[in-house]
Structure formats: structure tokens, C-alpha cells
Amino acid sequence: MFRVLRGFVLPEAACEAPESSAMYENLFKKLDLNEDGRVDIAELQAGLKALGIPLGDDAEKKIFKAGDTNQDGKLDIEEFMNYLKDHEKKMKLAFKSLDKNNDGLHEKRNY
């Protein structure tokens, strides 16, 4: 799944670059089907499915639980971008813990 999301979840260095904000905004616009400036769970599900990234109800509910900081049942652009940046940091930390020799690759071992 990370490989599929890689185009939307950028490397840590890119999070600080202006183009990362543009990518997040572009994705948000694709998900905001009714163009009201907010994405609800139905739009998230339909938008991700249309992009070929169906995550399933549990994952989408977790996104809302983590991202909907004002708990209004919708993600605005700021909540959405903050969620993506935070999620990306967590994924990078998880990968770094697996990348024991810091070569950017996780070595698969045969046990």
C-alpha cells in the first residue's frame, strides 16, 4: 500500500518544499467531490477508490479519527495536510527502524 500512496505521501525533505503543499492541495481537490472545501468520509472513500486506492472503511475511519482535529466530521485542507505530514513522519520512522544499515533499503532475511 505504501508504494501506491508514495506519489501522495512525499519524502520528509519534500514536506518542507512548496511543491509538496501543491501536491497535497491537488489530492485534496480530487477528493473534495462537491467542492465545498471539506472532505467527508464518503468523499474520501469515493475519491480514493476513483484514484485506485481503496483503503476500506477501517482505514478511512482511522484517517478521520486522527485528522479531524475539530471533530466536525469533515477534513478541511489544513487538517488533511497535517494528517498527511504526520502520517508520513510515522512511516519514515517505522522504515528507519527497519533499515539497520541506513542504505535506504529494508533487507529481507530468510529465516
N, C-alpha and C. Protein backbone atom coordinates (compact mmCIF):
# COMPACT_ATOMS: atom_id res chain seq x y z
N MET A 1 0.82 -1.19 0.00
CA MET A 1 0.00 0.00 0.00
C MET A 1 0.87 1.26 0.00
N PHE A 2 2.01 1.24 0.70
CA PHE A 2 2.87 2.41 0.74
C PHE A 2 3.32 2.78 -0.66
N ARG A 3 3.61 1.77 -1.48
CA ARG A 3 4.05 2.04 -2.85
C ARG A 3 2.97 2.81 -3.61
N VAL A 4 1.72 2.46 -3.42
CA VAL A 4 0.62 3.14 -4.10
C VAL A 4 0.50 4.57 -3.60
N LEU A 5 0.65 4.78 -2.31
CA LEU A 5 0.50 6.10 -1.72
C LEU A 5 1.74 6.97 -1.90
N ARG A 6 2.84 6.37 -2.34
CA ARG A 6 4.10 7.09 -2.40
C ARG A 6 4.00 8.38 -3.20
N GLY A 7 3.21 8.38 -4.25
CA GLY A 7 3.04 9.60 -5.04
C GLY A 7 2.33 10.71 -4.29
N PHE A 8 1.60 10.34 -3.25
CA PHE A 8 0.87 11.34 -2.49
C PHE A 8 1.53 11.64 -1.15
N VAL A 9 2.28 10.71 -0.64
CA VAL A 9 2.97 10.89 0.63
C VAL A 9 4.44 11.02 0.29
N LEU A 10 4.97 12.21 0.47
CA LEU A 10 6.29 12.54 -0.04
C LEU A 10 7.39 12.28 0.97
N PRO A 11 8.65 12.21 0.51
CA PRO A 11 9.78 12.08 1.42
C PRO A 11 9.82 13.25 2.40
N GLU A 12 10.43 13.05 3.53
CA GLU A 12 10.45 14.06 4.59
C GLU A 12 10.96 15.41 4.10
N ALA A 13 12.03 15.42 3.32
CA ALA A 13 12.60 16.66 2.82
C ALA A 13 11.59 17.42 1.96
N ALA A 14 10.78 16.69 1.22
CA ALA A 14 9.80 17.33 0.35
C ALA A 14 8.65 17.94 1.12
N CYS A 15 8.43 17.49 2.34
CA CYS A 15 7.34 18.05 3.15
C CYS A 15 7.53 19.53 3.38
N GLU A 16 8.76 19.96 3.41
CA GLU A 16 9.04 21.36 3.66
C GLU A 16 9.09 22.16 2.37
N ALA A 17 9.11 21.50 1.23
CA ALA A 17 9.19 22.18 -0.05
C ALA A 17 7.81 22.67 -0.48
N PRO A 18 7.78 23.82 -1.17
CA PRO A 18 6.49 24.35 -1.64
C PRO A 18 5.73 23.40 -2.54
N GLU A 19 6.43 22.61 -3.34
CA GLU A 19 5.73 21.70 -4.25
C GLU A 19 4.99 20.60 -3.50
N SER A 20 5.41 20.26 -2.28
CA SER A 20 4.67 19.24 -1.53
C SER A 20 3.30 19.77 -1.14
N SER A 21 3.24 21.02 -0.77
CA SER A 21 1.94 21.62 -0.44
C SER A 21 1.04 21.60 -1.66
N ALA A 22 1.60 21.87 -2.82
CA ALA A 22 0.81 21.85 -4.05
C ALA A 22 0.29 20.44 -4.33
N MET A 23 1.11 19.42 -4.09
CA MET A 23 0.67 18.04 -4.30
C MET A 23 -0.45 17.68 -3.34
N TYR A 24 -0.31 18.07 -2.08
CA TYR A 24 -1.36 17.79 -1.09
C TYR A 24 -2.65 18.50 -1.48
N GLU A 25 -2.53 19.75 -1.90
CA GLU A 25 -3.71 20.52 -2.30
C GLU A 25 -4.38 19.88 -3.52
N ASN A 26 -3.58 19.43 -4.46
CA ASN A 26 -4.12 18.78 -5.66
C ASN A 26 -4.89 17.51 -5.29
N LEU A 27 -4.32 16.71 -4.41
CA LEU A 27 -5.00 15.50 -3.95
C LEU A 27 -6.29 15.87 -3.23
N PHE A 28 -6.23 16.88 -2.37
CA PHE A 28 -7.42 17.31 -1.64
C PHE A 28 -8.53 17.71 -2.60
N LYS A 29 -8.17 18.46 -3.64
CA LYS A 29 -9.16 18.89 -4.63
C LYS A 29 -9.80 17.69 -5.34
N LYS A 30 -9.00 16.67 -5.60
CA LYS A 30 -9.54 15.47 -6.24
C LYS A 30 -10.50 14.73 -5.31
N LEU A 31 -10.25 14.80 -4.01
CA LEU A 31 -11.11 14.11 -3.04
C LEU A 31 -12.35 14.92 -2.69
N ASP A 32 -12.26 16.23 -2.80
CA ASP A 32 -13.38 17.13 -2.46
C ASP A 32 -14.37 17.15 -3.62
N LEU A 33 -15.16 16.09 -3.73
CA LEU A 33 -16.03 15.89 -4.89
C LEU A 33 -17.10 16.97 -5.06
N ASN A 34 -17.63 17.48 -3.95
CA ASN A 34 -18.66 18.52 -4.07
C ASN A 34 -18.08 19.94 -4.00
N GLU A 35 -16.76 20.02 -3.94
CA GLU A 35 -16.03 21.30 -3.98
C GLU A 35 -16.48 22.30 -2.92
N ASP A 36 -16.74 21.80 -1.71
CA ASP A 36 -17.13 22.69 -0.63
C ASP A 36 -15.96 23.06 0.28
N GLY A 37 -14.75 22.61 -0.07
CA GLY A 37 -13.57 22.94 0.72
C GLY A 37 -13.36 22.00 1.90
N ARG A 38 -14.18 20.95 1.98
CA ARG A 38 -14.05 19.97 3.05
C ARG A 38 -14.33 18.59 2.47
N VAL A 39 -13.69 17.58 3.05
CA VAL A 39 -13.85 16.21 2.59
C VAL A 39 -14.48 15.40 3.71
N ASP A 40 -15.63 14.77 3.42
CA ASP A 40 -16.23 13.88 4.42
C ASP A 40 -15.82 12.45 4.11
N ILE A 41 -16.23 11.53 4.94
CA ILE A 41 -15.79 10.14 4.79
C ILE A 41 -16.26 9.53 3.48
N ALA A 42 -17.46 9.88 3.03
CA ALA A 42 -17.97 9.34 1.76
C ALA A 42 -17.13 9.85 0.58
N GLU A 43 -16.76 11.12 0.63
CA GLU A 43 -15.92 11.68 -0.44
C GLU A 43 -14.53 11.03 -0.41
N LEU A 44 -14.00 10.82 0.78
CA LEU A 44 -12.69 10.18 0.91
C LEU A 44 -12.74 8.78 0.31
N GLN A 45 -13.76 8.02 0.66
CA GLN A 45 -13.89 6.66 0.14
C GLN A 45 -14.04 6.67 -1.38
N ALA A 46 -14.94 7.49 -1.90
CA ALA A 46 -15.18 7.54 -3.35
C ALA A 46 -13.95 8.08 -4.09
N GLY A 47 -13.34 9.11 -3.54
CA GLY A 47 -12.17 9.71 -4.19
C GLY A 47 -10.99 8.77 -4.25
N LEU A 48 -10.71 8.09 -3.14
CA LEU A 48 -9.59 7.14 -3.13
C LEU A 48 -9.86 5.97 -4.05
N LYS A 49 -11.10 5.52 -4.08
CA LYS A 49 -11.47 4.41 -4.97
C LYS A 49 -11.28 4.84 -6.43
N ALA A 50 -11.70 6.06 -6.76
CA ALA A 50 -11.55 6.57 -8.13
C ALA A 50 -10.08 6.71 -8.52
N LEU A 51 -9.23 6.98 -7.53
CA LEU A 51 -7.80 7.09 -7.79
C LEU A 51 -7.11 5.73 -7.77
N GLY A 52 -7.88 4.67 -7.53
CA GLY A 52 -7.30 3.33 -7.49
C GLY A 52 -6.64 3.00 -6.17
N ILE A 53 -7.08 3.68 -5.10
CA ILE A 53 -6.51 3.47 -3.77
C ILE A 53 -7.62 3.17 -2.77
N PRO A 54 -8.38 2.10 -2.95
CA PRO A 54 -9.42 1.79 -1.97
C PRO A 54 -8.79 1.23 -0.70
N LEU A 55 -8.97 1.92 0.40
CA LEU A 55 -8.36 1.51 1.67
C LEU A 55 -9.29 0.67 2.53
N GLY A 56 -10.58 0.87 2.43
CA GLY A 56 -11.52 0.17 3.28
C GLY A 56 -12.00 1.06 4.42
N ASP A 57 -13.16 0.73 4.94
CA ASP A 57 -13.80 1.55 5.98
C ASP A 57 -12.93 1.80 7.19
N ASP A 58 -12.26 0.76 7.68
CA ASP A 58 -11.46 0.92 8.90
C ASP A 58 -10.35 1.93 8.71
N ALA A 59 -9.62 1.85 7.60
CA ALA A 59 -8.53 2.78 7.35
C ALA A 59 -9.04 4.21 7.21
N GLU A 60 -10.13 4.36 6.49
CA GLU A 60 -10.68 5.70 6.29
C GLU A 60 -11.20 6.28 7.60
N LYS A 61 -11.80 5.45 8.44
CA LYS A 61 -12.25 5.93 9.75
C LYS A 61 -11.07 6.34 10.61
N LYS A 62 -9.97 5.61 10.51
CA LYS A 62 -8.76 5.96 11.27
C LYS A 62 -8.20 7.29 10.78
N ILE A 63 -8.25 7.51 9.47
CA ILE A 63 -7.78 8.79 8.92
C ILE A 63 -8.60 9.92 9.53
N PHE A 64 -9.91 9.74 9.58
CA PHE A 64 -10.77 10.78 10.15
C PHE A 64 -10.54 10.96 11.64
N LYS A 65 -10.37 9.86 12.35
CA LYS A 65 -10.13 9.96 13.80
C LYS A 65 -8.85 10.74 14.08
N ALA A 66 -7.82 10.48 13.30
CA ALA A 66 -6.54 11.16 13.50
C ALA A 66 -6.53 12.57 12.91
N GLY A 67 -7.18 12.76 11.77
CA GLY A 67 -7.07 14.02 11.06
C GLY A 67 -8.10 15.07 11.39
N ASP A 68 -9.29 14.67 11.79
CA ASP A 68 -10.38 15.60 12.05
C ASP A 68 -10.24 16.21 13.44
N THR A 69 -9.31 17.15 13.56
CA THR A 69 -8.97 17.69 14.88
C THR A 69 -10.10 18.50 15.52
N ASN A 70 -10.95 19.13 14.70
CA ASN A 70 -12.07 19.88 15.30
C ASN A 70 -13.33 19.02 15.42
N GLN A 71 -13.23 17.77 15.03
CA GLN A 71 -14.29 16.75 15.18
C GLN A 71 -15.63 17.20 14.60
N ASP A 72 -15.57 17.78 13.39
CA ASP A 72 -16.82 18.19 12.73
C ASP A 72 -17.26 17.18 11.67
N GLY A 73 -16.55 16.05 11.56
CA GLY A 73 -16.93 15.02 10.61
C GLY A 73 -16.42 15.26 9.20
N LYS A 74 -15.59 16.28 9.04
CA LYS A 74 -15.01 16.61 7.73
C LYS A 74 -13.57 17.06 7.91
N LEU A 75 -12.79 16.84 6.85
CA LEU A 75 -11.41 17.31 6.86
C LEU A 75 -11.31 18.55 6.00
N ASP A 76 -10.81 19.64 6.57
CA ASP A 76 -10.52 20.80 5.73
C ASP A 76 -9.09 20.64 5.22
N ILE A 77 -8.65 21.53 4.37
CA ILE A 77 -7.33 21.38 3.74
C ILE A 77 -6.22 21.35 4.78
N GLU A 78 -6.31 22.16 5.82
CA GLU A 78 -5.28 22.19 6.85
C GLU A 78 -5.22 20.87 7.61
N GLU A 79 -6.36 20.35 8.01
CA GLU A 79 -6.40 19.07 8.71
C GLU A 79 -5.85 17.96 7.82
N PHE A 80 -6.23 17.99 6.55
CA PHE A 80 -5.79 16.99 5.60
C PHE A 80 -4.26 17.01 5.44
N MET A 81 -3.71 18.20 5.25
CA MET A 81 -2.27 18.33 5.07
C MET A 81 -1.52 17.94 6.34
N ASN A 82 -2.03 18.34 7.48
CA ASN A 82 -1.39 17.97 8.75
C ASN A 82 -1.40 16.46 8.94
N TYR A 83 -2.53 15.82 8.60
CA TYR A 83 -2.61 14.37 8.70
C TYR A 83 -1.57 13.71 7.82
N LEU A 84 -1.48 14.12 6.55
CA LEU A 84 -0.52 13.50 5.63
C LEU A 84 0.91 13.67 6.11
N LYS A 85 1.26 14.86 6.57
CA LYS A 85 2.62 15.10 7.05
C LYS A 85 2.93 14.26 8.28
N ASP A 86 1.99 14.18 9.21
CA ASP A 86 2.19 13.38 10.42
C ASP A 86 2.29 11.90 10.09
N HIS A 87 1.41 11.42 9.20
CA HIS A 87 1.43 10.01 8.81
C HIS A 87 2.75 9.66 8.11
N GLU A 88 3.20 10.56 7.27
CA GLU A 88 4.47 10.33 6.57
C GLU A 88 5.64 10.24 7.55
N LYS A 89 5.66 11.12 8.54
CA LYS A 89 6.73 11.07 9.54
C LYS A 89 6.73 9.72 10.26
N LYS A 90 5.54 9.25 10.62
CA LYS A 90 5.44 7.96 11.30
C LYS A 90 5.95 6.82 10.42
N MET A 91 5.60 6.86 9.14
CA MET A 91 6.06 5.82 8.22
C MET A 91 7.57 5.87 8.04
N LYS A 92 8.14 7.07 7.98
CA LYS A 92 9.59 7.19 7.85
C LYS A 92 10.29 6.65 9.09
N LEU A 93 9.74 6.93 10.26
CA LEU A 93 10.33 6.41 11.50
C LEU A 93 10.25 4.89 11.54
N ALA A 94 9.13 4.35 11.12
CA ALA A 94 8.98 2.89 11.08
C ALA A 94 9.99 2.28 10.12
N PHE A 95 10.14 2.88 8.94
CA PHE A 95 11.09 2.35 7.97
C PHE A 95 12.50 2.47 8.50
N LYS A 96 12.82 3.60 9.11
CA LYS A 96 14.18 3.81 9.63
C LYS A 96 14.52 2.76 10.68
N SER A 97 13.54 2.35 11.46
CA SER A 97 13.80 1.32 12.48
C SER A 97 14.10 -0.03 11.82
N LEU A 98 13.61 -0.24 10.60
CA LEU A 98 13.87 -1.48 9.87
C LEU A 98 15.16 -1.42 9.05
N ASP A 99 15.58 -0.23 8.70
CA ASP A 99 16.75 -0.02 7.85
C ASP A 99 18.00 0.04 8.74
N LYS A 100 18.42 -1.10 9.19
CA LYS A 100 19.51 -1.18 10.18
C LYS A 100 20.84 -0.63 9.68
N ASN A 101 21.13 -0.76 8.39
CA ASN A 101 22.42 -0.29 7.89
C ASN A 101 22.32 1.06 7.16
N ASN A 102 21.19 1.73 7.27
CA ASN A 102 20.97 3.07 6.70
C ASN A 102 21.26 3.17 5.21
N ASP A 103 20.94 2.13 4.44
CA ASP A 103 21.16 2.18 3.00
C ASP A 103 19.89 2.53 2.23
N GLY A 104 18.80 2.80 2.93
CA GLY A 104 17.55 3.15 2.27
C GLY A 104 16.76 1.95 1.80
N LEU A 105 17.24 0.76 2.11
CA LEU A 105 16.57 -0.47 1.72
C LEU A 105 16.35 -1.32 2.95
N HIS A 106 15.23 -2.00 2.99
CA HIS A 106 15.00 -2.95 4.07
C HIS A 106 15.39 -4.32 3.55
N GLU A 107 16.39 -4.88 4.18
CA GLU A 107 16.90 -6.19 3.74
C GLU A 107 15.97 -7.29 4.21
N LYS A 108 15.51 -8.09 3.28
CA LYS A 108 14.66 -9.21 3.62
C LYS A 108 15.57 -10.39 3.98
N ARG A 109 15.33 -10.93 5.13
CA ARG A 109 16.14 -12.07 5.57
C ARG A 109 15.38 -13.35 5.44
N ASN A 110 16.06 -14.39 5.07
CA ASN A 110 15.47 -15.72 5.01
C ASN A 110 15.74 -16.43 6.33
N TYR A 111 14.71 -16.74 7.04
CA TYR A 111 14.89 -17.40 8.33
C TYR A 111 14.70 -18.86 8.20
